[in-house]
Amino acid sequence: MSKFWSPAIRSLVPYTPGEQPKVLDLIKLNTNENPYPPAPGVTQVLHDFPTDRLRLYPDPDASKLKTALAEYHGLESEQIFLGNGSDEVLP
């Protein structure tokens, strides 16, 4: 796949996350933090969610999602490219 990337993309420097201050009640808007709690519906879903599953990392290849997307769009799962944000998908 990288053979199709332009020189501009190849020369990009990966993002370095900013400082995470240890100050309580500080809201850093430049890191997409939210000053509000989750909506009541989200709280209910999380209350009923089997939290034991949260102790494990998800499948890094997102196999189930790739399979579902491929079936939905009539493709092979190898034709689906997924990433976790731009840092992961850009060189």
PDB file of N, CA and C in Angstrom:
ATOM      1  N   MET A   1       0.825  -1.188   0.000  1.00  0.00           N
ATOM      2  CA  MET A   1       0.000   0.000   0.000  1.00  0.00           C
ATOM      3  C   MET A   1       0.871   1.255   0.000  1.00  0.00           C
ATOM      4  N   SER A   2       2.010   1.233   0.701  1.00  0.00           N
ATOM      5  CA  SER A   2       2.831   2.438   0.827  1.00  0.00           C
ATOM      6  C   SER A   2       3.416   2.890  -0.508  1.00  0.00           C
ATOM      7  N   LYS A   3       3.439   2.025  -1.514  1.00  0.00           N
ATOM      8  CA  LYS A   3       3.975   2.439  -2.807  1.00  0.00           C
ATOM      9  C   LYS A   3       3.087   3.489  -3.473  1.00  0.00           C
ATOM     10  N   PHE A   4       1.848   3.640  -3.000  1.00  0.00           N
ATOM     11  CA  PHE A   4       0.931   4.607  -3.571  1.00  0.00           C
ATOM     12  C   PHE A   4       0.960   5.958  -2.849  1.00  0.00           C
ATOM     13  N   TRP A   5       1.688   6.046  -1.751  1.00  0.00           N
ATOM     14  CA  TRP A   5       1.724   7.279  -0.978  1.00  0.00           C
ATOM     15  C   TRP A   5       2.580   8.323  -1.677  1.00  0.00           C
ATOM     16  N   SER A   6       2.132   9.553  -1.610  1.00  0.00           N
ATOM     17  CA  SER A   6       2.853  10.653  -2.241  1.00  0.00           C
ATOM     18  C   SER A   6       4.073  11.014  -1.405  1.00  0.00           C
ATOM     19  N   PRO A   7       5.038  11.725  -2.007  1.00  0.00           N
ATOM     20  CA  PRO A   7       6.201  12.184  -1.238  1.00  0.00           C
ATOM     21  C   PRO A   7       5.794  13.045  -0.036  1.00  0.00           C
ATOM     22  N   ALA A   8       4.723  13.823  -0.177  1.00  0.00           N
ATOM     23  CA  ALA A   8       4.274  14.655   0.942  1.00  0.00           C
ATOM     24  C   ALA A   8       3.852  13.794   2.134  1.00  0.00           C
ATOM     25  N   ILE A   9       3.159  12.710   1.851  1.00  0.00           N
ATOM     26  CA  ILE A   9       2.733  11.808   2.930  1.00  0.00           C
ATOM     27  C   ILE A   9       3.940  11.089   3.515  1.00  0.00           C
ATOM     28  N   ARG A  10       4.848  10.659   2.684  1.00  0.00           N
ATOM     29  CA  ARG A  10       6.041   9.951   3.161  1.00  0.00           C
ATOM     30  C   ARG A  10       6.893  10.818   4.086  1.00  0.00           C
ATOM     31  N   SER A  11       6.862  12.131   3.880  1.00  0.00           N
ATOM     32  CA  SER A  11       7.723  13.013   4.675  1.00  0.00           C
ATOM     33  C   SER A  11       7.057  13.516   5.955  1.00  0.00           C
ATOM     34  N   LEU A  12       5.801  13.129   6.209  1.00  0.00           N
ATOM     35  CA  LEU A  12       5.122  13.576   7.422  1.00  0.00           C
ATOM     36  C   LEU A  12       5.790  13.000   8.668  1.00  0.00           C
ATOM     37  N   VAL A  13       5.861  13.813   9.691  1.00  0.00           N
ATOM     38  CA  VAL A  13       6.399  13.379  10.978  1.00  0.00           C
ATOM     39  C   VAL A  13       5.219  12.987  11.858  1.00  0.00           C
ATOM     40  N   PRO A  14       5.258  11.818  12.495  1.00  0.00           N
ATOM     41  CA  PRO A  14       4.128  11.383  13.325  1.00  0.00           C
ATOM     42  C   PRO A  14       3.836  12.367  14.450  1.00  0.00           C
ATOM     43  N   TYR A  15       2.595  12.432  14.846  1.00  0.00           N
ATOM     44  CA  TYR A  15       2.137  13.295  15.927  1.00  0.00           C
ATOM     45  C   TYR A  15       2.740  12.856  17.248  1.00  0.00           C
ATOM     46  N   THR A  16       3.193  13.821  18.027  1.00  0.00           N
ATOM     47  CA  THR A  16       3.660  13.568  19.383  1.00  0.00           C
ATOM     48  C   THR A  16       2.630  14.160  20.332  1.00  0.00           C
ATOM     49  N   PRO A  17       2.031  13.347  21.199  1.00  0.00           N
ATOM     50  CA  PRO A  17       0.991  13.879  22.078  1.00  0.00           C
ATOM     51  C   PRO A  17       1.543  14.955  23.001  1.00  0.00           C
ATOM     52  N   GLY A  18       0.690  15.909  23.346  1.00  0.00           N
ATOM     53  CA  GLY A  18       1.093  16.998  24.226  1.00  0.00           C
ATOM     54  C   GLY A  18       1.157  16.576  25.675  1.00  0.00           C
ATOM     55  N   GLU A  19       1.572  17.510  26.492  1.00  0.00           N
ATOM     56  CA  GLU A  19       1.714  17.276  27.924  1.00  0.00           C
ATOM     57  C   GLU A  19       0.360  16.960  28.549  1.00  0.00           C
ATOM     58  N   GLN A  20       0.348  16.072  29.495  1.00  0.00           N
ATOM     59  CA  GLN A  20      -0.848  15.757  30.264  1.00  0.00           C
ATOM     60  C   GLN A  20      -0.606  16.233  31.700  1.00  0.00           C
ATOM     61  N   PRO A  21      -0.955  17.487  32.007  1.00  0.00           N
ATOM     62  CA  PRO A  21      -0.703  18.029  33.344  1.00  0.00           C
ATOM     63  C   PRO A  21      -1.416  17.228  34.425  1.00  0.00           C
ATOM     64  N   LYS A  22      -0.845  17.220  35.601  1.00  0.00           N
ATOM     65  CA  LYS A  22      -1.414  16.491  36.741  1.00  0.00           C
ATOM     66  C   LYS A  22      -2.260  17.423  37.615  1.00  0.00           C
ATOM     67  N   VAL A  23      -2.916  18.412  37.015  1.00  0.00           N
ATOM     68  CA  VAL A  23      -3.737  19.377  37.732  1.00  0.00           C
ATOM     69  C   VAL A  23      -5.185  18.900  37.698  1.00  0.00           C
ATOM     70  N   LEU A  24      -5.806  18.808  38.872  1.00  0.00           N
ATOM     71  CA  LEU A  24      -7.209  18.393  38.934  1.00  0.00           C
ATOM     72  C   LEU A  24      -8.106  19.461  38.335  1.00  0.00           C
ATOM     73  N   ASP A  25      -9.194  19.060  37.747  1.00  0.00           N
ATOM     74  CA  ASP A  25     -10.213  19.953  37.184  1.00  0.00           C
ATOM     75  C   ASP A  25      -9.706  20.827  36.047  1.00  0.00           C
ATOM     76  N   LEU A  26      -8.621  20.445  35.408  1.00  0.00           N
ATOM     77  CA  LEU A  26      -8.111  21.180  34.256  1.00  0.00           C
ATOM     78  C   LEU A  26      -8.706  20.562  32.994  1.00  0.00           C
ATOM     79  N   ILE A  27      -9.253  21.372  32.138  1.00  0.00           N
ATOM     80  CA  ILE A  27      -9.832  20.901  30.886  1.00  0.00           C
ATOM     81  C   ILE A  27      -8.962  21.398  29.747  1.00  0.00           C
ATOM     82  N   LYS A  28      -8.339  20.486  29.044  1.00  0.00           N
ATOM     83  CA  LYS A  28      -7.491  20.846  27.908  1.00  0.00           C
ATOM     84  C   LYS A  28      -8.328  20.717  26.641  1.00  0.00           C
ATOM     85  N   LEU A  29      -8.771  21.826  26.119  1.00  0.00           N
ATOM     86  CA  LEU A  29      -9.614  21.785  24.931  1.00  0.00           C
ATOM     87  C   LEU A  29      -8.844  21.347  23.696  1.00  0.00           C
ATOM     88  N   ASN A  30      -7.525  21.544  23.684  1.00  0.00           N
ATOM     89  CA  ASN A  30      -6.745  21.154  22.512  1.00  0.00           C
ATOM     90  C   ASN A  30      -6.530  19.650  22.423  1.00  0.00           C
ATOM     91  N   THR A  31      -6.978  18.890  23.398  1.00  0.00           N
ATOM     92  CA  THR A  31      -6.866  17.433  23.342  1.00  0.00           C
ATOM     93  C   THR A  31      -8.243  16.772  23.309  1.00  0.00           C
ATOM     94  N   ASN A  32      -9.240  17.538  22.916  1.00  0.00           N
ATOM     95  CA  ASN A  32     -10.604  17.028  22.775  1.00  0.00           C
ATOM     96  C   ASN A  32     -11.178  16.451  24.060  1.00  0.00           C
ATOM     97  N   GLU A  33     -10.788  17.019  25.195  1.00  0.00           N
ATOM     98  CA  GLU A  33     -11.382  16.590  26.444  1.00  0.00           C
ATOM     99  C   GLU A  33     -12.739  17.260  26.594  1.00  0.00           C
ATOM    100  N   ASN A  34     -13.626  16.592  27.269  1.00  0.00           N
ATOM    101  CA  ASN A  34     -14.994  17.075  27.414  1.00  0.00           C
ATOM    102  C   ASN A  34     -15.235  17.464  28.872  1.00  0.00           C
ATOM    103  N   PRO A  35     -15.705  18.687  29.140  1.00  0.00           N
ATOM    104  CA  PRO A  35     -15.959  19.096  30.526  1.00  0.00           C
ATOM    105  C   PRO A  35     -17.239  18.503  31.102  1.00  0.00           C
ATOM    106  N   TYR A  36     -18.014  17.796  30.295  1.00  0.00           N
ATOM    107  CA  TYR A  36     -19.305  17.264  30.742  1.00  0.00           C
ATOM    108  C   TYR A  36     -19.241  15.747  30.894  1.00  0.00           C
ATOM    109  N   PRO A  37     -20.031  15.218  31.824  1.00  0.00           N
ATOM    110  CA  PRO A  37     -20.062  13.757  31.984  1.00  0.00           C
ATOM    111  C   PRO A  37     -20.806  13.112  30.807  1.00  0.00           C
ATOM    112  N   PRO A  38     -20.726  11.800  30.683  1.00  0.00           N
ATOM    113  CA  PRO A  38     -21.475  11.114  29.621  1.00  0.00           C
ATOM    114  C   PRO A  38     -22.978  11.318  29.795  1.00  0.00           C
ATOM    115  N   ALA A  39     -23.686  11.226  28.684  1.00  0.00           N
ATOM    116  CA  ALA A  39     -25.147  11.328  28.720  1.00  0.00           C
ATOM    117  C   ALA A  39     -25.712  10.179  29.544  1.00  0.00           C
ATOM    118  N   PRO A  40     -26.893  10.363  30.146  1.00  0.00           N
ATOM    119  CA  PRO A  40     -27.485   9.300  30.973  1.00  0.00           C
ATOM    120  C   PRO A  40     -27.598   7.965  30.246  1.00  0.00           C
ATOM    121  N   GLY A  41     -27.923   7.983  28.957  1.00  0.00           N
ATOM    122  CA  GLY A  41     -28.026   6.733  28.207  1.00  0.00           C
ATOM    123  C   GLY A  41     -26.695   6.001  28.125  1.00  0.00           C
ATOM    124  N   VAL A  42     -25.616   6.741  27.985  1.00  0.00           N
ATOM    125  CA  VAL A  42     -24.277   6.130  27.934  1.00  0.00           C
ATOM    126  C   VAL A  42     -23.944   5.516  29.288  1.00  0.00           C
ATOM    127  N   THR A  43     -24.260   6.238  30.341  1.00  0.00           N
ATOM    128  CA  THR A  43     -24.013   5.724  31.690  1.00  0.00           C
ATOM    129  C   THR A  43     -24.753   4.408  31.907  1.00  0.00           C
ATOM    130  N   GLN A  44     -26.000   4.331  31.432  1.00  0.00           N
ATOM    131  CA  GLN A  44     -26.783   3.097  31.591  1.00  0.00           C
ATOM    132  C   GLN A  44     -26.164   1.947  30.805  1.00  0.00           C
ATOM    133  N   VAL A  45     -25.750   2.225  29.562  1.00  0.00           N
ATOM    134  CA  VAL A  45     -25.126   1.180  28.744  1.00  0.00           C
ATOM    135  C   VAL A  45     -23.861   0.672  29.427  1.00  0.00           C
ATOM    136  N   LEU A  46     -23.050   1.600  29.940  1.00  0.00           N
ATOM    137  CA  LEU A  46     -21.818   1.178  30.613  1.00  0.00           C
ATOM    138  C   LEU A  46     -22.127   0.409  31.895  1.00  0.00           C
ATOM    139  N   HIS A  47     -23.212   0.771  32.569  1.00  0.00           N
ATOM    140  CA  HIS A  47     -23.599   0.052  33.786  1.00  0.00           C
ATOM    141  C   HIS A  47     -23.925  -1.402  33.474  1.00  0.00           C
ATOM    142  N   ASP A  48     -24.571  -1.633  32.340  1.00  0.00           N
ATOM    143  CA  ASP A  48     -24.986  -2.978  31.951  1.00  0.00           C
ATOM    144  C   ASP A  48     -23.929  -3.713  31.133  1.00  0.00           C
ATOM    145  N   PHE A  49     -22.829  -3.052  30.809  1.00  0.00           N
ATOM    146  CA  PHE A  49     -21.792  -3.635  29.958  1.00  0.00           C
ATOM    147  C   PHE A  49     -20.936  -4.623  30.752  1.00  0.00           C
ATOM    148  N   PRO A  50     -20.599  -5.765  30.151  1.00  0.00           N
ATOM    149  CA  PRO A  50     -19.731  -6.726  30.845  1.00  0.00           C
ATOM    150  C   PRO A  50     -18.294  -6.183  30.918  1.00  0.00           C
ATOM    151  N   THR A  51     -17.985  -5.463  31.968  1.00  0.00           N
ATOM    152  CA  THR A  51     -16.710  -4.743  32.066  1.00  0.00           C
ATOM    153  C   THR A  51     -15.490  -5.653  32.089  1.00  0.00           C
ATOM    154  N   ASP A  52     -15.662  -6.933  32.347  1.00  0.00           N
ATOM    155  CA  ASP A  52     -14.520  -7.844  32.323  1.00  0.00           C
ATOM    156  C   ASP A  52     -13.839  -7.835  30.955  1.00  0.00           C
ATOM    157  N   ARG A  53     -14.621  -7.538  29.900  1.00  0.00           N
ATOM    158  CA  ARG A  53     -14.059  -7.483  28.546  1.00  0.00           C
ATOM    159  C   ARG A  53     -13.113  -6.296  28.375  1.00  0.00           C
ATOM    160  N   LEU A  54     -13.221  -5.281  29.231  1.00  0.00           N
ATOM    161  CA  LEU A  54     -12.400  -4.081  29.092  1.00  0.00           C
ATOM    162  C   LEU A  54     -10.947  -4.304  29.502  1.00  0.00           C
ATOM    163  N   ARG A  55     -10.639  -5.401  30.159  1.00  0.00           N
ATOM    164  CA  ARG A  55      -9.266  -5.638  30.604  1.00  0.00           C
ATOM    165  C   ARG A  55      -8.360  -6.127  29.483  1.00  0.00           C
ATOM    166  N   LEU A  56      -8.941  -6.459  28.339  1.00  0.00           N
ATOM    167  CA  LEU A  56      -8.165  -6.975  27.216  1.00  0.00           C
ATOM    168  C   LEU A  56      -8.114  -5.971  26.081  1.00  0.00           C
ATOM    169  N   TYR A  57      -7.003  -5.949  25.373  1.00  0.00           N
ATOM    170  CA  TYR A  57      -6.922  -5.122  24.176  1.00  0.00           C
ATOM    171  C   TYR A  57      -7.822  -5.716  23.096  1.00  0.00           C
ATOM    172  N   PRO A  58      -8.411  -4.872  22.280  1.00  0.00           N
ATOM    173  CA  PRO A  58      -9.219  -5.405  21.181  1.00  0.00           C
ATOM    174  C   PRO A  58      -8.332  -6.044  20.120  1.00  0.00           C
ATOM    175  N   ASP A  59      -8.947  -6.803  19.254  1.00  0.00           N
ATOM    176  CA  ASP A  59      -8.241  -7.426  18.136  1.00  0.00           C
ATOM    177  C   ASP A  59      -7.570  -6.318  17.312  1.00  0.00           C
ATOM    178  N   PRO A  60      -6.243  -6.296  17.218  1.00  0.00           N
ATOM    179  CA  PRO A  60      -5.575  -5.209  16.498  1.00  0.00           C
ATOM    180  C   PRO A  60      -5.901  -5.183  15.011  1.00  0.00           C
ATOM    181  N   ASP A  61      -6.379  -6.295  14.480  1.00  0.00           N
ATOM    182  CA  ASP A  61      -6.731  -6.352  13.063  1.00  0.00           C
ATOM    183  C   ASP A  61      -8.217  -6.076  12.834  1.00  0.00           C
ATOM    184  N   ALA A  62      -8.986  -5.967  13.916  1.00  0.00           N
ATOM    185  CA  ALA A  62     -10.433  -5.739  13.839  1.00  0.00           C
ATOM    186  C   ALA A  62     -11.092  -6.722  12.874  1.00  0.00           C
ATOM    187  N   SER A  63     -10.769  -7.976  13.029  1.00  0.00           N
ATOM    188  CA  SER A  63     -11.216  -9.016  12.097  1.00  0.00           C
ATOM    189  C   SER A  63     -12.726  -9.088  11.939  1.00  0.00           C
ATOM    190  N   LYS A  64     -13.467  -9.039  13.049  1.00  0.00           N
ATOM    191  CA  LYS A  64     -14.931  -9.128  12.960  1.00  0.00           C
ATOM    192  C   LYS A  64     -15.497  -7.925  12.214  1.00  0.00           C
ATOM    193  N   LEU A  65     -14.968  -6.740  12.482  1.00  0.00           N
ATOM    194  CA  LEU A  65     -15.446  -5.547  11.790  1.00  0.00           C
ATOM    195  C   LEU A  65     -15.108  -5.616  10.308  1.00  0.00           C
ATOM    196  N   LYS A  66     -13.898  -6.042   9.978  1.00  0.00           N
ATOM    197  CA  LYS A  66     -13.511  -6.174   8.566  1.00  0.00           C
ATOM    198  C   LYS A  66     -14.415  -7.166   7.843  1.00  0.00           C
ATOM    199  N   THR A  67     -14.698  -8.273   8.487  1.00  0.00           N
ATOM    200  CA  THR A  67     -15.561  -9.286   7.878  1.00  0.00           C
ATOM    201  C   THR A  67     -16.962  -8.725   7.651  1.00  0.00           C
ATOM    202  N   ALA A  68     -17.503  -8.040   8.652  1.00  0.00           N
ATOM    203  CA  ALA A  68     -18.847  -7.475   8.528  1.00  0.00           C
ATOM    204  C   ALA A  68     -18.890  -6.412   7.430  1.00  0.00           C
ATOM    205  N   LEU A  69     -17.885  -5.541   7.378  1.00  0.00           N
ATOM    206  CA  LEU A  69     -17.849  -4.507   6.340  1.00  0.00           C
ATOM    207  C   LEU A  69     -17.699  -5.119   4.944  1.00  0.00           C
ATOM    208  N   ALA A  70     -16.861  -6.128   4.856  1.00  0.00           N
ATOM    209  CA  ALA A  70     -16.652  -6.787   3.569  1.00  0.00           C
ATOM    210  C   ALA A  70     -17.948  -7.431   3.079  1.00  0.00           C
ATOM    211  N   GLU A  71     -18.642  -8.138   3.969  1.00  0.00           N
ATOM    212  CA  GLU A  71     -19.908  -8.764   3.591  1.00  0.00           C
ATOM    213  C   GLU A  71     -20.928  -7.719   3.176  1.00  0.00           C
ATOM    214  N   TYR A  72     -21.009  -6.651   3.918  1.00  0.00           N
ATOM    215  CA  TYR A  72     -21.986  -5.601   3.633  1.00  0.00           C
ATOM    216  C   TYR A  72     -21.734  -4.944   2.276  1.00  0.00           C
ATOM    217  N   HIS A  73     -20.462  -4.736   1.941  1.00  0.00           N
ATOM    218  CA  HIS A  73     -20.107  -4.035   0.704  1.00  0.00           C
ATOM    219  C   HIS A  73     -19.743  -4.977  -0.441  1.00  0.00           C
ATOM    220  N   GLY A  74     -19.852  -6.275  -0.220  1.00  0.00           N
ATOM    221  CA  GLY A  74     -19.548  -7.238  -1.275  1.00  0.00           C
ATOM    222  C   GLY A  74     -18.069  -7.287  -1.624  1.00  0.00           C
ATOM    223  N   LEU A  75     -17.217  -7.205  -0.621  1.00  0.00           N
ATOM    224  CA  LEU A  75     -15.767  -7.214  -0.824  1.00  0.00           C
ATOM    225  C   LEU A  75     -15.140  -8.377  -0.075  1.00  0.00           C
ATOM    226  N   GLU A  76     -13.856  -8.557  -0.285  1.00  0.00           N
ATOM    227  CA  GLU A  76     -13.077  -9.485   0.523  1.00  0.00           C
ATOM    228  C   GLU A  76     -12.542  -8.701   1.727  1.00  0.00           C
ATOM    229  N   SER A  77     -12.395  -9.365   2.862  1.00  0.00           N
ATOM    230  CA  SER A  77     -11.921  -8.648   4.051  1.00  0.00           C
ATOM    231  C   SER A  77     -10.513  -8.072   3.837  1.00  0.00           C
ATOM    232  N   GLU A  78      -9.727  -8.674   2.941  1.00  0.00           N
ATOM    233  CA  GLU A  78      -8.377  -8.169   2.646  1.00  0.00           C
ATOM    234  C   GLU A  78      -8.424  -6.814   1.935  1.00  0.00           C
ATOM    235  N   GLN A  79      -9.590  -6.456   1.406  1.00  0.00           N
ATOM    236  CA  GLN A  79      -9.744  -5.174   0.718  1.00  0.00           C
ATOM    237  C   GLN A  79     -10.130  -4.043   1.669  1.00  0.00           C
ATOM    238  N   ILE A  80     -10.346  -4.363   2.926  1.00  0.00           N
ATOM    239  CA  ILE A  80     -10.748  -3.372   3.923  1.00  0.00           C
ATOM    240  C   ILE A  80      -9.512  -2.942   4.698  1.00  0.00           C
ATOM    241  N   PHE A  81      -9.307  -1.617   4.778  1.00  0.00           N
ATOM    242  CA  PHE A  81      -8.184  -1.052   5.525  1.00  0.00           C
ATOM    243  C   PHE A  81      -8.750  -0.223   6.668  1.00  0.00           C
ATOM    244  N   LEU A  82      -8.387  -0.570   7.878  1.00  0.00           N
ATOM    245  CA  LEU A  82      -8.860   0.154   9.052  1.00  0.00           C
ATOM    246  C   LEU A  82      -7.665   0.688   9.837  1.00  0.00           C
ATOM    247  N   GLY A  83      -7.856   1.786  10.493  1.00  0.00           N
ATOM    248  CA  GLY A  83      -6.810   2.332  11.334  1.00  0.00           C
ATOM    249  C   GLY A  83      -7.424   2.985  12.557  1.00  0.00           C
ATOM    250  N   ASN A  84      -6.589   3.208  13.545  1.00  0.00           N
ATOM    251  CA  ASN A  84      -7.021   3.822  14.786  1.00  0.00           C
ATOM    252  C   ASN A  84      -6.490   5.252  14.841  1.00  0.00           C
ATOM    253  N   GLY A  85      -7.073   6.123  14.041  1.00  0.00           N
ATOM    254  CA  GLY A  85      -6.600   7.495  13.981  1.00  0.00           C
ATOM    255  C   GLY A  85      -5.509   7.672  12.951  1.00  0.00           C
ATOM    256  N   SER A  86      -5.203   8.904  12.642  1.00  0.00           N
ATOM    257  CA  SER A  86      -4.243   9.187  11.559  1.00  0.00           C
ATOM    258  C   SER A  86      -2.824   8.778  11.914  1.00  0.00           C
ATOM    259  N   ASP A  87      -2.448   8.786  13.195  1.00  0.00           N
ATOM    260  CA  ASP A  87      -1.087   8.405  13.570  1.00  0.00           C
ATOM    261  C   ASP A  87      -0.766   6.989  13.111  1.00  0.00           C
ATOM    262  N   GLU A  88      -1.761   6.146  13.168  1.00  0.00           N
ATOM    263  CA  GLU A  88      -1.553   4.742  12.849  1.00  0.00           C
ATOM    264  C   GLU A  88      -1.523   4.473  11.342  1.00  0.00           C
ATOM    265  N   VAL A  89      -2.262   5.250  10.576  1.00  0.00           N
ATOM    266  CA  VAL A  89      -2.379   4.957   9.158  1.00  0.00           C
ATOM    267  C   VAL A  89      -1.392   5.729   8.292  1.00  0.00           C
ATOM    268  N   LEU A  90      -0.756   6.735   8.849  1.00  0.00           N
ATOM    269  CA  LEU A  90       0.245   7.489   8.090  1.00  0.00           C
ATOM    270  C   LEU A  90       1.634   7.028   8.492  1.00  0.00           C
ATOM    271  N   PRO A  91       2.566   6.976   7.537  1.00  0.00           N
ATOM    272  CA  PRO A  91       3.917   6.518   7.888  1.00  0.00           C
ATOM    273  C   PRO A  91       4.638   7.510   8.766  1.00  0.00           C
TER     274      PRO A  91
END
